[in-house]
PDB file of N, CA and C in Angstrom:
ATOM      1  N   MET A   1       0.832  -1.177   0.000  1.00  0.00           N
ATOM      2  CA  MET A   1       0.000   0.000   0.000  1.00  0.00           C
ATOM      3  C   MET A   1       0.880   1.246   0.000  1.00  0.00           C
ATOM      4  N   LYS A   2       0.584   2.158  -0.871  1.00  0.00           N
ATOM      5  CA  LYS A   2       1.366   3.380  -0.959  1.00  0.00           C
ATOM      6  C   LYS A   2       0.905   4.382   0.099  1.00  0.00           C
ATOM      7  N   GLU A   3       1.872   4.926   0.793  1.00  0.00           N
ATOM      8  CA  GLU A   3       1.595   5.948   1.799  1.00  0.00           C
ATOM      9  C   GLU A   3       1.536   7.307   1.109  1.00  0.00           C
ATOM     10  N   PHE A   4       0.686   8.185   1.635  1.00  0.00           N
ATOM     11  CA  PHE A   4       0.599   9.533   1.098  1.00  0.00           C
ATOM     12  C   PHE A   4       1.110  10.516   2.135  1.00  0.00           C
ATOM     13  N   ILE A   5       1.973  11.394   1.687  1.00  0.00           N
ATOM     14  CA  ILE A   5       2.607  12.379   2.554  1.00  0.00           C
ATOM     15  C   ILE A   5       1.853  13.693   2.406  1.00  0.00           C
ATOM     16  N   ASP A   6       1.475  14.278   3.517  1.00  0.00           N
ATOM     17  CA  ASP A   6       0.819  15.585   3.502  1.00  0.00           C
ATOM     18  C   ASP A   6       1.722  16.559   2.744  1.00  0.00           C
ATOM     19  N   PRO A   7       1.182  17.274   1.764  1.00  0.00           N
ATOM     20  CA  PRO A   7       2.002  18.216   0.983  1.00  0.00           C
ATOM     21  C   PRO A   7       2.711  19.277   1.826  1.00  0.00           C
ATOM     22  N   LYS A   8       2.211  19.535   3.045  1.00  0.00           N
ATOM     23  CA  LYS A   8       2.857  20.516   3.916  1.00  0.00           C
ATOM     24  C   LYS A   8       4.130  19.950   4.550  1.00  0.00           C
ATOM     25  N   THR A   9       4.249  18.633   4.545  1.00  0.00           N
ATOM     26  CA  THR A   9       5.431  17.994   5.115  1.00  0.00           C
ATOM     27  C   THR A   9       6.592  18.161   4.143  1.00  0.00           C
ATOM     28  N   ARG A  10       7.663  18.678   4.645  1.00  0.00           N
ATOM     29  CA  ARG A  10       8.844  18.864   3.803  1.00  0.00           C
ATOM     30  C   ARG A  10       9.777  17.671   4.016  1.00  0.00           C
ATOM     31  N   ALA A  11       9.488  16.602   3.294  1.00  0.00           N
ATOM     32  CA  ALA A  11      10.272  15.369   3.400  1.00  0.00           C
ATOM     33  C   ALA A  11      11.362  15.388   2.333  1.00  0.00           C
ATOM     34  N   ALA A  12      12.595  15.262   2.782  1.00  0.00           N
ATOM     35  CA  ALA A  12      13.754  15.353   1.885  1.00  0.00           C
ATOM     36  C   ALA A  12      14.529  14.049   1.862  1.00  0.00           C
ATOM     37  N   ALA A  13      15.312  13.873   0.805  1.00  0.00           N
ATOM     38  CA  ALA A  13      16.211  12.732   0.688  1.00  0.00           C
ATOM     39  C   ALA A  13      17.643  13.245   0.618  1.00  0.00           C
ATOM     40  N   VAL A  14      18.558  12.522   1.272  1.00  0.00           N
ATOM     41  CA  VAL A  14      19.985  12.822   1.208  1.00  0.00           C
ATOM     42  C   VAL A  14      20.665  11.607   0.594  1.00  0.00           C
ATOM     43  N   ILE A  15      21.456  11.865  -0.446  1.00  0.00           N
ATOM     44  CA  ILE A  15      22.176  10.791  -1.132  1.00  0.00           C
ATOM     45  C   ILE A  15      23.673  11.088  -1.089  1.00  0.00           C
ATOM     46  N   PRO A  16      24.438  10.378  -0.235  1.00  0.00           N
ATOM     47  CA  PRO A  16      25.890  10.547  -0.243  1.00  0.00           C
ATOM     48  C   PRO A  16      26.464   9.853  -1.477  1.00  0.00           C
ATOM     49  N   CYS A  17      27.427  10.501  -2.127  1.00  0.00           N
ATOM     50  CA  CYS A  17      27.969   9.944  -3.370  1.00  0.00           C
ATOM     51  C   CYS A  17      29.492   9.872  -3.346  1.00  0.00           C
ATOM     52  N   TYR A  18      29.977   8.679  -3.580  1.00  0.00           N
ATOM     53  CA  TYR A  18      31.409   8.458  -3.754  1.00  0.00           C
ATOM     54  C   TYR A  18      31.548   7.268  -4.691  1.00  0.00           C
ATOM     55  N   LYS A  19      31.990   7.555  -5.899  1.00  0.00           N
ATOM     56  CA  LYS A  19      32.163   6.539  -6.944  1.00  0.00           C
ATOM     57  C   LYS A  19      30.860   5.823  -7.285  1.00  0.00           C
ATOM     58  N   VAL A  20      29.759   6.564  -7.316  1.00  0.00           N
ATOM     59  CA  VAL A  20      28.467   5.978  -7.664  1.00  0.00           C
ATOM     60  C   VAL A  20      27.721   6.808  -8.711  1.00  0.00           C
ATOM     61  N   GLY A  21      28.417   7.691  -9.380  1.00  0.00           N
ATOM     62  CA  GLY A  21      27.773   8.597 -10.329  1.00  0.00           C
ATOM     63  C   GLY A  21      26.945   7.902 -11.387  1.00  0.00           C
ATOM     64  N   ALA A  22      27.401   6.747 -11.848  1.00  0.00           N
ATOM     65  CA  ALA A  22      26.681   6.034 -12.897  1.00  0.00           C
ATOM     66  C   ALA A  22      25.318   5.545 -12.434  1.00  0.00           C
ATOM     67  N   HIS A  23      25.130   5.362 -11.144  1.00  0.00           N
ATOM     68  CA  HIS A  23      23.877   4.829 -10.606  1.00  0.00           C
ATOM     69  C   HIS A  23      22.956   5.901 -10.031  1.00  0.00           C
ATOM     70  N   THR A  24      23.516   7.011  -9.607  1.00  0.00           N
ATOM     71  CA  THR A  24      22.764   7.982  -8.824  1.00  0.00           C
ATOM     72  C   THR A  24      21.574   8.582  -9.568  1.00  0.00           C
ATOM     73  N   CYS A  25      21.708   8.856 -10.842  1.00  0.00           N
ATOM     74  CA  CYS A  25      20.572   9.423 -11.588  1.00  0.00           C
ATOM     75  C   CYS A  25      19.410   8.442 -11.641  1.00  0.00           C
ATOM     76  N   ASP A  26      19.695   7.148 -11.755  1.00  0.00           N
ATOM     77  CA  ASP A  26      18.620   6.151 -11.725  1.00  0.00           C
ATOM     78  C   ASP A  26      17.955   6.109 -10.358  1.00  0.00           C
ATOM     79  N   VAL A  27      18.755   6.237  -9.307  1.00  0.00           N
ATOM     80  CA  VAL A  27      18.200   6.274  -7.953  1.00  0.00           C
ATOM     81  C   VAL A  27      17.271   7.477  -7.823  1.00  0.00           C
ATOM     82  N   ILE A  28      17.715   8.630  -8.282  1.00  0.00           N
ATOM     83  CA  ILE A  28      16.903   9.852  -8.202  1.00  0.00           C
ATOM     84  C   ILE A  28      15.590   9.670  -8.966  1.00  0.00           C
ATOM     85  N   LYS A  29      15.648   9.066 -10.154  1.00  0.00           N
ATOM     86  CA  LYS A  29      14.432   8.838 -10.947  1.00  0.00           C
ATOM     87  C   LYS A  29      13.415   7.992 -10.191  1.00  0.00           C
ATOM     88  N   GLY A  30      13.898   7.111  -9.321  1.00  0.00           N
ATOM     89  CA  GLY A  30      13.005   6.227  -8.588  1.00  0.00           C
ATOM     90  C   GLY A  30      12.410   6.825  -7.326  1.00  0.00           C
ATOM     91  N   ILE A  31      12.869   7.998  -6.921  1.00  0.00           N
ATOM     92  CA  ILE A  31      12.361   8.606  -5.692  1.00  0.00           C
ATOM     93  C   ILE A  31      10.971   9.178  -5.940  1.00  0.00           C
ATOM     94  N   ASP A  32      10.063   8.815  -5.067  1.00  0.00           N
ATOM     95  CA  ASP A  32       8.669   9.209  -5.170  1.00  0.00           C
ATOM     96  C   ASP A  32       8.535  10.722  -5.357  1.00  0.00           C
ATOM     97  N   PRO A  33       7.597  11.149  -6.190  1.00  0.00           N
ATOM     98  CA  PRO A  33       7.388  12.585  -6.405  1.00  0.00           C
ATOM     99  C   PRO A  33       6.960  13.350  -5.154  1.00  0.00           C
ATOM    100  N   GLN A  34       6.541  12.627  -4.110  1.00  0.00           N
ATOM    101  CA  GLN A  34       6.169  13.289  -2.862  1.00  0.00           C
ATOM    102  C   GLN A  34       7.385  13.824  -2.103  1.00  0.00           C
ATOM    103  N   CYS A  35       8.571  13.411  -2.516  1.00  0.00           N
ATOM    104  CA  CYS A  35       9.802  13.919  -1.900  1.00  0.00           C
ATOM    105  C   CYS A  35       9.938  15.393  -2.258  1.00  0.00           C
ATOM    106  N   TRP A  36      10.122  16.216  -1.256  1.00  0.00           N
ATOM    107  CA  TRP A  36      10.187  17.675  -1.430  1.00  0.00           C
ATOM    108  C   TRP A  36      11.497  18.107  -2.078  1.00  0.00           C
ATOM    109  N   ARG A  37      12.631  17.645  -1.539  1.00  0.00           N
ATOM    110  CA  ARG A  37      13.947  17.981  -2.093  1.00  0.00           C
ATOM    111  C   ARG A  37      14.881  16.788  -1.977  1.00  0.00           C
ATOM    112  N   ILE A  38      15.867  16.776  -2.864  1.00  0.00           N
ATOM    113  CA  ILE A  38      16.872  15.715  -2.883  1.00  0.00           C
ATOM    114  C   ILE A  38      18.242  16.374  -2.830  1.00  0.00           C
ATOM    115  N   TYR A  39      19.035  15.994  -1.836  1.00  0.00           N
ATOM    116  CA  TYR A  39      20.380  16.544  -1.669  1.00  0.00           C
ATOM    117  C   TYR A  39      21.398  15.457  -2.000  1.00  0.00           C
ATOM    118  N   VAL A  40      22.150  15.678  -3.056  1.00  0.00           N
ATOM    119  CA  VAL A  40      23.209  14.767  -3.463  1.00  0.00           C
ATOM    120  C   VAL A  40      24.511  15.357  -2.942  1.00  0.00           C
ATOM    121  N   VAL A  41      25.246  14.571  -2.154  1.00  0.00           N
ATOM    122  CA  VAL A  41      26.488  15.069  -1.566  1.00  0.00           C
ATOM    123  C   VAL A  41      27.660  14.328  -2.194  1.00  0.00           C
ATOM    124  N   ASP A  42      28.406  15.036  -3.045  1.00  0.00           N
ATOM    125  CA  ASP A  42      29.623  14.494  -3.647  1.00  0.00           C
ATOM    126  C   ASP A  42      30.727  14.605  -2.596  1.00  0.00           C
ATOM    127  N   ASP A  43      31.160  13.459  -2.099  1.00  0.00           N
ATOM    128  CA  ASP A  43      32.143  13.428  -1.012  1.00  0.00           C
ATOM    129  C   ASP A  43      33.569  13.420  -1.558  1.00  0.00           C
ATOM    130  N   CYS A  44      33.896  14.487  -2.298  1.00  0.00           N
ATOM    131  CA  CYS A  44      35.212  14.633  -2.932  1.00  0.00           C
ATOM    132  C   CYS A  44      35.504  13.411  -3.798  1.00  0.00           C
ATOM    133  N   CYS A  45      34.526  13.025  -4.573  1.00  0.00           N
ATOM    134  CA  CYS A  45      34.609  11.821  -5.404  1.00  0.00           C
ATOM    135  C   CYS A  45      35.599  12.005  -6.548  1.00  0.00           C
ATOM    136  N   PRO A  46      36.570  11.089  -6.689  1.00  0.00           N
ATOM    137  CA  PRO A  46      37.541  11.208  -7.780  1.00  0.00           C
ATOM    138  C   PRO A  46      36.918  11.004  -9.159  1.00  0.00           C
ATOM    139  N   GLU A  47      35.741  10.406  -9.207  1.00  0.00           N
ATOM    140  CA  GLU A  47      35.043  10.196 -10.482  1.00  0.00           C
ATOM    141  C   GLU A  47      34.057  11.315 -10.789  1.00  0.00           C
ATOM    142  N   GLY A  48      33.937  12.276  -9.893  1.00  0.00           N
ATOM    143  CA  GLY A  48      33.041  13.416 -10.129  1.00  0.00           C
ATOM    144  C   GLY A  48      31.569  13.048 -10.132  1.00  0.00           C
ATOM    145  N   SER A  49      31.137  12.261  -9.149  1.00  0.00           N
ATOM    146  CA  SER A  49      29.731  11.852  -9.075  1.00  0.00           C
ATOM    147  C   SER A  49      28.781  13.043  -9.095  1.00  0.00           C
ATOM    148  N   GLY A  50      29.097  14.083  -8.355  1.00  0.00           N
ATOM    149  CA  GLY A  50      28.242  15.264  -8.304  1.00  0.00           C
ATOM    150  C   GLY A  50      28.123  15.956  -9.653  1.00  0.00           C
ATOM    151  N   ARG A  51      29.230  16.067 -10.354  1.00  0.00           N
ATOM    152  CA  ARG A  51      29.207  16.669 -11.696  1.00  0.00           C
ATOM    153  C   ARG A  51      28.343  15.851 -12.646  1.00  0.00           C
ATOM    154  N   LEU A  52      28.462  14.527 -12.569  1.00  0.00           N
ATOM    155  CA  LEU A  52      27.638  13.665 -13.422  1.00  0.00           C
ATOM    156  C   LEU A  52      26.158  13.900 -13.162  1.00  0.00           C
ATOM    157  N   VAL A  53      25.790  14.016 -11.897  1.00  0.00           N
ATOM    158  CA  VAL A  53      24.390  14.281 -11.557  1.00  0.00           C
ATOM    159  C   VAL A  53      23.972  15.637 -12.119  1.00  0.00           C
ATOM    160  N   GLN A  54      24.800  16.657 -11.952  1.00  0.00           N
ATOM    161  CA  GLN A  54      24.464  17.978 -12.488  1.00  0.00           C
ATOM    162  C   GLN A  54      24.271  17.941 -14.002  1.00  0.00           C
ATOM    163  N   GLU A  55      25.091  17.171 -14.693  1.00  0.00           N
ATOM    164  CA  GLU A  55      25.030  17.108 -16.153  1.00  0.00           C
ATOM    165  C   GLU A  55      23.871  16.262 -16.664  1.00  0.00           C
ATOM    166  N   ARG A  56      23.529  15.193 -15.953  1.00  0.00           N
ATOM    167  CA  ARG A  56      22.572  14.216 -16.476  1.00  0.00           C
ATOM    168  C   ARG A  56      21.181  14.269 -15.861  1.00  0.00           C
ATOM    169  N   CYS A  57      21.052  14.851 -14.709  1.00  0.00           N
ATOM    170  CA  CYS A  57      19.779  14.823 -13.999  1.00  0.00           C
ATOM    171  C   CYS A  57      19.078  16.172 -14.134  1.00  0.00           C
ATOM    172  N   ARG A  58      17.846  16.146 -14.551  1.00  0.00           N
ATOM    173  CA  ARG A  58      17.082  17.382 -14.748  1.00  0.00           C
ATOM    174  C   ARG A  58      15.973  17.554 -13.713  1.00  0.00           C
ATOM    175  N   ASP A  59      16.021  16.787 -12.643  1.00  0.00           N
ATOM    176  CA  ASP A  59      14.995  16.857 -11.608  1.00  0.00           C
ATOM    177  C   ASP A  59      15.172  18.158 -10.824  1.00  0.00           C
ATOM    178  N   PRO A  60      14.170  19.034 -10.818  1.00  0.00           N
ATOM    179  CA  PRO A  60      14.301  20.329 -10.141  1.00  0.00           C
ATOM    180  C   PRO A  60      14.419  20.231  -8.620  1.00  0.00           C
ATOM    181  N   ARG A  61      14.134  19.068  -8.056  1.00  0.00           N
ATOM    182  CA  ARG A  61      14.245  18.898  -6.600  1.00  0.00           C
ATOM    183  C   ARG A  61      15.691  18.722  -6.151  1.00  0.00           C
ATOM    184  N   VAL A  62      16.602  18.464  -7.098  1.00  0.00           N
ATOM    185  CA  VAL A  62      17.975  18.087  -6.763  1.00  0.00           C
ATOM    186  C   VAL A  62      18.872  19.296  -6.520  1.00  0.00           C
ATOM    187  N   THR A  63      19.597  19.235  -5.408  1.00  0.00           N
ATOM    188  CA  THR A  63      20.673  20.163  -5.085  1.00  0.00           C
ATOM    189  C   THR A  63      21.919  19.322  -4.883  1.00  0.00           C
ATOM    190  N   VAL A  64      23.000  19.676  -5.575  1.00  0.00           N
ATOM    191  CA  VAL A  64      24.258  18.939  -5.424  1.00  0.00           C
ATOM    192  C   VAL A  64      25.188  19.755  -4.535  1.00  0.00           C
ATOM    193  N   LEU A  65      25.694  19.101  -3.499  1.00  0.00           N
ATOM    194  CA  LEU A  65      26.662  19.705  -2.583  1.00  0.00           C
ATOM    195  C   LEU A  65      28.002  19.019  -2.801  1.00  0.00           C
ATOM    196  N   PHE A  66      29.083  19.772  -2.671  1.00  0.00           N
ATOM    197  CA  PHE A  66      30.425  19.221  -2.887  1.00  0.00           C
ATOM    198  C   PHE A  66      31.269  19.381  -1.627  1.00  0.00           C
ATOM    199  N   ASN A  67      31.752  18.262  -1.089  1.00  0.00           N
ATOM    200  CA  ASN A  67      32.715  18.318   0.014  1.00  0.00           C
ATOM    201  C   ASN A  67      34.105  18.534  -0.571  1.00  0.00           C
ATOM    202  N   GLU A  68      34.856  19.467  -0.004  1.00  0.00           N
ATOM    203  CA  GLU A  68      36.197  19.766  -0.498  1.00  0.00           C
ATOM    204  C   GLU A  68      37.200  18.678  -0.141  1.00  0.00           C
ATOM    205  N   ILE A  69      36.932  17.969   0.951  1.00  0.00           N
ATOM    206  CA  ILE A  69      37.754  16.820   1.324  1.00  0.00           C
ATOM    207  C   ILE A  69      36.812  15.653   1.596  1.00  0.00           C
ATOM    208  N   ASN A  70      37.308  14.438   1.462  1.00  0.00           N
ATOM    209  CA  ASN A  70      36.503  13.257   1.698  1.00  0.00           C
ATOM    210  C   ASN A  70      36.250  13.112   3.193  1.00  0.00           C
ATOM    211  N   LEU A  71      34.983  13.120   3.578  1.00  0.00           N
ATOM    212  CA  LEU A  71      34.589  13.006   4.979  1.00  0.00           C
ATOM    213  C   LEU A  71      34.047  11.621   5.317  1.00  0.00           C
ATOM    214  N   GLY A  72      33.973  10.747   4.321  1.00  0.00           N
ATOM    215  CA  GLY A  72      33.383   9.434   4.524  1.00  0.00           C
ATOM    216  C   GLY A  72      31.874   9.550   4.456  1.00  0.00           C
ATOM    217  N   VAL A  73      31.229   8.393   4.397  1.00  0.00           N
ATOM    218  CA  VAL A  73      29.779   8.399   4.230  1.00  0.00           C
ATOM    219  C   VAL A  73      29.077   9.128   5.370  1.00  0.00           C
ATOM    220  N   GLY A  74      29.556   8.973   6.596  1.00  0.00           N
ATOM    221  CA  GLY A  74      28.932   9.664   7.724  1.00  0.00           C
ATOM    222  C   GLY A  74      29.016  11.168   7.589  1.00  0.00           C
ATOM    223  N   GLY A  75      30.181  11.667   7.201  1.00  0.00           N
ATOM    224  CA  GLY A  75      30.355  13.106   7.019  1.00  0.00           C
ATOM    225  C   GLY A  75      29.521  13.646   5.878  1.00  0.00           C
ATOM    226  N   ALA A  76      29.406  12.864   4.819  1.00  0.00           N
ATOM    227  CA  ALA A  76      28.591  13.286   3.676  1.00  0.00           C
ATOM    228  C   ALA A  76      27.116  13.342   4.058  1.00  0.00           C
ATOM    229  N   VAL A  77      26.666  12.354   4.814  1.00  0.00           N
ATOM    230  CA  VAL A  77      25.268  12.333   5.253  1.00  0.00           C
ATOM    231  C   VAL A  77      24.984  13.520   6.169  1.00  0.00           C
ATOM    232  N   ILE A  78      25.877  13.782   7.101  1.00  0.00           N
ATOM    233  CA  ILE A  78      25.692  14.924   8.008  1.00  0.00           C
ATOM    234  C   ILE A  78      25.611  16.222   7.227  1.00  0.00           C
ATOM    235  N   ARG A  79      26.463  16.379   6.228  1.00  0.00           N
ATOM    236  CA  ARG A  79      26.423  17.597   5.398  1.00  0.00           C
ATOM    237  C   ARG A  79      25.063  17.740   4.728  1.00  0.00           C
ATOM    238  N   GLY A  80      24.555  16.651   4.191  1.00  0.00           N
ATOM    239  CA  GLY A  80      23.234  16.683   3.562  1.00  0.00           C
ATOM    240  C   GLY A  80      22.130  16.982   4.561  1.00  0.00           C
ATOM    241  N   TYR A  81      22.197  16.354   5.744  1.00  0.00           N
ATOM    242  CA  TYR A  81      21.209  16.615   6.799  1.00  0.00           C
ATOM    243  C   TYR A  81      21.221  18.091   7.186  1.00  0.00           C
ATOM    244  N   GLN A  82      22.421  18.647   7.381  1.00  0.00           N
ATOM    245  CA  GLN A  82      22.535  20.053   7.781  1.00  0.00           C
ATOM    246  C   GLN A  82      21.867  20.971   6.765  1.00  0.00           C
ATOM    247  N   ARG A  83      22.142  20.723   5.492  1.00  0.00           N
ATOM    248  CA  ARG A  83      21.556  21.577   4.444  1.00  0.00           C
ATOM    249  C   ARG A  83      20.044  21.410   4.389  1.00  0.00           C
ATOM    250  N   ALA A  84      19.573  20.180   4.504  1.00  0.00           N
ATOM    251  CA  ALA A  84      18.131  19.937   4.473  1.00  0.00           C
ATOM    252  C   ALA A  84      17.440  20.656   5.636  1.00  0.00           C
ATOM    253  N   ILE A  85      18.041  20.596   6.815  1.00  0.00           N
ATOM    254  CA  ILE A  85      17.477  21.273   7.988  1.00  0.00           C
ATOM    255  C   ILE A  85      17.486  22.783   7.780  1.00  0.00           C
ATOM    256  N   GLU A  86      18.599  23.319   7.263  1.00  0.00           N
ATOM    257  CA  GLU A  86      18.683  24.761   6.978  1.00  0.00           C
ATOM    258  C   GLU A  86      17.577  25.200   6.021  1.00  0.00           C
ATOM    259  N   ASP A  87      17.246  24.331   5.067  1.00  0.00           N
ATOM    260  CA  ASP A  87      16.226  24.662   4.068  1.00  0.00           C
ATOM    261  C   ASP A  87      14.798  24.436   4.571  1.00  0.00           C
ATOM    262  N   GLY A  88      14.650  23.826   5.752  1.00  0.00           N
ATOM    263  CA  GLY A  88      13.326  23.664   6.325  1.00  0.00           C
ATOM    264  C   GLY A  88      12.727  22.268   6.266  1.00  0.00           C
ATOM    265  N   ALA A  89      13.535  21.255   6.008  1.00  0.00           N
ATOM    266  CA  ALA A  89      13.010  19.888   5.967  1.00  0.00           C
ATOM    267  C   ALA A  89      12.519  19.469   7.349  1.00  0.00           C
ATOM    268  N   SER A  90      11.416  18.734   7.375  1.00  0.00           N
ATOM    269  CA  SER A  90      10.890  18.229   8.639  1.00  0.00           C
ATOM    270  C   SER A  90      11.187  16.743   8.832  1.00  0.00           C
ATOM    271  N   VAL A  91      11.409  16.023   7.741  1.00  0.00           N
ATOM    272  CA  VAL A  91      11.785  14.612   7.774  1.00  0.00           C
ATOM    273  C   VAL A  91      12.855  14.416   6.708  1.00  0.00           C
ATOM    274  N   ILE A  92      13.896  13.655   7.063  1.00  0.00           N
ATOM    275  CA  ILE A  92      14.996  13.423   6.116  1.00  0.00           C
ATOM    276  C   ILE A  92      15.245  11.928   6.006  1.00  0.00           C
ATOM    277  N   VAL A  93      15.328  11.448   4.781  1.00  0.00           N
ATOM    278  CA  VAL A  93      15.590  10.040   4.503  1.00  0.00           C
ATOM    279  C   VAL A  93      16.918   9.937   3.761  1.00  0.00           C
ATOM    280  N   LYS A  94      17.813   9.088   4.261  1.00  0.00           N
ATOM    281  CA  LYS A  94      19.092   8.849   3.587  1.00  0.00           C
ATOM    282  C   LYS A  94      18.911   7.675   2.629  1.00  0.00           C
ATOM    283  N   ILE A  95      19.326   7.869   1.396  1.00  0.00           N
ATOM    284  CA  ILE A  95      19.244   6.836   0.369  1.00  0.00           C
ATOM    285  C   ILE A  95      20.625   6.669  -0.245  1.00  0.00           C
ATOM    286  N   ASP A  96      21.107   5.447  -0.340  1.00  0.00           N
ATOM    287  CA  ASP A  96      22.419   5.212  -0.946  1.00  0.00           C
ATOM    288  C   ASP A  96      22.382   5.482  -2.443  1.00  0.00           C
ATOM    289  N   GLY A  97      23.477   6.026  -2.954  1.00  0.00           N
ATOM    290  CA  GLY A  97      23.563   6.401  -4.356  1.00  0.00           C
ATOM    291  C   GLY A  97      23.814   5.250  -5.307  1.00  0.00           C
ATOM    292  N   ASP A  98      24.114   4.067  -4.778  1.00  0.00           N
ATOM    293  CA  ASP A  98      24.447   2.940  -5.652  1.00  0.00           C
ATOM    294  C   ASP A  98      23.261   2.042  -5.981  1.00  0.00           C
ATOM    295  N   GLY A  99      22.077   2.381  -5.491  1.00  0.00           N
ATOM    296  CA  GLY A  99      20.889   1.613  -5.827  1.00  0.00           C
ATOM    297  C   GLY A  99      20.603   0.437  -4.914  1.00  0.00           C
ATOM    298  N   GLN A 100      21.347   0.282  -3.824  1.00  0.00           N
ATOM    299  CA  GLN A 100      21.098  -0.867  -2.953  1.00  0.00           C
ATOM    300  C   GLN A 100      19.850  -0.704  -2.087  1.00  0.00           C
ATOM    301  N   MET A 101      19.299   0.505  -2.022  1.00  0.00           N
ATOM    302  CA  MET A 101      18.043   0.744  -1.317  1.00  0.00           C
ATOM    303  C   MET A 101      16.993   1.111  -2.353  1.00  0.00           C
ATOM    304  N   ASP A 102      15.784   0.641  -2.151  1.00  0.00           N
ATOM    305  CA  ASP A 102      14.717   0.920  -3.102  1.00  0.00           C
ATOM    306  C   ASP A 102      14.150   2.319  -2.837  1.00  0.00           C
ATOM    307  N   PRO A 103      14.402   3.276  -3.735  1.00  0.00           N
ATOM    308  CA  PRO A 103      13.931   4.643  -3.506  1.00  0.00           C
ATOM    309  C   PRO A 103      12.403   4.767  -3.522  1.00  0.00           C
ATOM    310  N   LYS A 104      11.727   3.758  -4.050  1.00  0.00           N
ATOM    311  CA  LYS A 104      10.268   3.794  -4.075  1.00  0.00           C
ATOM    312  C   LYS A 104       9.675   3.645  -2.672  1.00  0.00           C
ATOM    313  N   LEU A 105      10.487   3.217  -1.708  1.00  0.00           N
ATOM    314  CA  LEU A 105      10.016   3.061  -0.334  1.00  0.00           C
ATOM    315  C   LEU A 105      10.008   4.378   0.439  1.00  0.00           C
ATOM    316  N   PHE A 106      10.428   5.446  -0.188  1.00  0.00           N
ATOM    317  CA  PHE A 106      10.499   6.756   0.458  1.00  0.00           C
ATOM    318  C   PHE A 106       9.223   7.096   1.246  1.00  0.00           C
ATOM    319  N   PRO A 107       8.020   6.971   0.654  1.00  0.00           N
ATOM    320  CA  PRO A 107       6.815   7.331   1.416  1.00  0.00           C
ATOM    321  C   PRO A 107       6.601   6.476   2.672  1.00  0.00           C
ATOM    322  N   GLN A 108       6.962   5.207   2.621  1.00  0.00           N
ATOM    323  CA  GLN A 108       6.804   4.349   3.790  1.00  0.00           C
ATOM    324  C   GLN A 108       7.753   4.761   4.906  1.00  0.00           C
ATOM    325  N   PHE A 109       8.984   5.123   4.547  1.00  0.00           N
ATOM    326  CA  PHE A 109       9.944   5.575   5.558  1.00  0.00           C
ATOM    327  C   PHE A 109       9.438   6.843   6.239  1.00  0.00           C
ATOM    328  N   VAL A 110       8.961   7.774   5.446  1.00  0.00           N
ATOM    329  CA  VAL A 110       8.455   9.035   5.985  1.00  0.00           C
ATOM    330  C   VAL A 110       7.230   8.783   6.864  1.00  0.00           C
ATOM    331  N   ALA A 111       6.325   7.944   6.400  1.00  0.00           N
ATOM    332  CA  ALA A 111       5.104   7.657   7.162  1.00  0.00           C
ATOM    333  C   ALA A 111       5.418   7.039   8.516  1.00  0.00           C
ATOM    334  N   SER A 112       6.406   6.150   8.567  1.00  0.00           N
ATOM    335  CA  SER A 112       6.786   5.516   9.839  1.00  0.00           C
ATOM    336  C   SER A 112       7.285   6.546  10.849  1.00  0.00           C
ATOM    337  N   ILE A 113       7.990   7.535  10.357  1.00  0.00           N
ATOM    338  CA  ILE A 113       8.505   8.587  11.238  1.00  0.00           C
ATOM    339  C   ILE A 113       7.379   9.529  11.669  1.00  0.00           C
ATOM    340  N   LEU A 114       6.581   9.966  10.711  1.00  0.00           N
ATOM    341  CA  LEU A 114       5.519  10.921  11.037  1.00  0.00           C
ATOM    342  C   LEU A 114       4.463  10.327  11.967  1.00  0.00           C
ATOM    343  N   SER A 115       4.214   9.031  11.856  1.00  0.00           N
ATOM    344  CA  SER A 115       3.201   8.389  12.703  1.00  0.00           C
ATOM    345  C   SER A 115       3.692   8.132  14.112  1.00  0.00           C
ATOM    346  N   GLY A 116       4.994   8.302  14.335  1.00  0.00           N
ATOM    347  CA  GLY A 116       5.568   8.034  15.652  1.00  0.00           C
ATOM    348  C   GLY A 116       5.968   6.592  15.853  1.00  0.00           C
ATOM    349  N   GLN A 117       5.830   5.758  14.824  1.00  0.00           N
ATOM    350  CA  GLN A 117       6.248   4.357  14.925  1.00  0.00           C
ATOM    351  C   GLN A 117       7.766   4.233  15.021  1.00  0.00           C
ATOM    352  N   ALA A 118       8.462   5.217  14.470  1.00  0.00           N
ATOM    353  CA  ALA A 118       9.927   5.150  14.460  1.00  0.00           C
ATOM    354  C   ALA A 118      10.498   6.557  14.498  1.00  0.00           C
ATOM    355  N   ASP A 119      11.693   6.671  15.095  1.00  0.00           N
ATOM    356  CA  ASP A 119      12.461   7.911  15.036  1.00  0.00           C
ATOM    357  C   ASP A 119      13.416   7.868  13.856  1.00  0.00           C
ATOM    358  N   TYR A 120      13.742   6.648  13.446  1.00  0.00           N
ATOM    359  CA  TYR A 120      14.713   6.436  12.379  1.00  0.00           C
ATOM    360  C   TYR A 120      14.308   5.162  11.643  1.00  0.00           C
ATOM    361  N   THR A 121      14.411   5.173  10.318  1.00  0.00           N
ATOM    362  CA  THR A 121      14.111   3.981   9.541  1.00  0.00           C
ATOM    363  C   THR A 121      15.249   3.694   8.587  1.00  0.00           C
ATOM    364  N   LYS A 122      15.393   2.431   8.209  1.00  0.00           N
ATOM    365  CA  LYS A 122      16.421   2.035   7.246  1.00  0.00           C
ATOM    366  C   LYS A 122      15.876   0.859   6.471  1.00  0.00           C
ATOM    367  N   GLY A 123      16.103   0.871   5.169  1.00  0.00           N
ATOM    368  CA  GLY A 123      15.583  -0.254   4.378  1.00  0.00           C
ATOM    369  C   GLY A 123      16.441  -0.524   3.180  1.00  0.00           C
TER     370      GLY A 123
END
């Protein structure tokens, strides 16, 4: 069953990227349209994952952030969380850029948090 997110809810996705540029645009395409914004964090990727997303992805929800030094996946996620919070996100979902998580589950993750069933979800 598909969950519906109240349009007033600013639910965002954060995608840390390091050597996953070839997959990230497909991941973004799979994210439910109910997602308010998508933050792609290029963690000083030697393959230029962030640049690839900027060149190939036309989704207006996407903002690409670039770390000047590699902070690891945790640092990249924190950077994305910080920006999402600054922009007004009320719920943030982390999605891996390599496609190992199903981006179509975004509404279920958000619903679990908003309903109080969970403070944090992972799938």
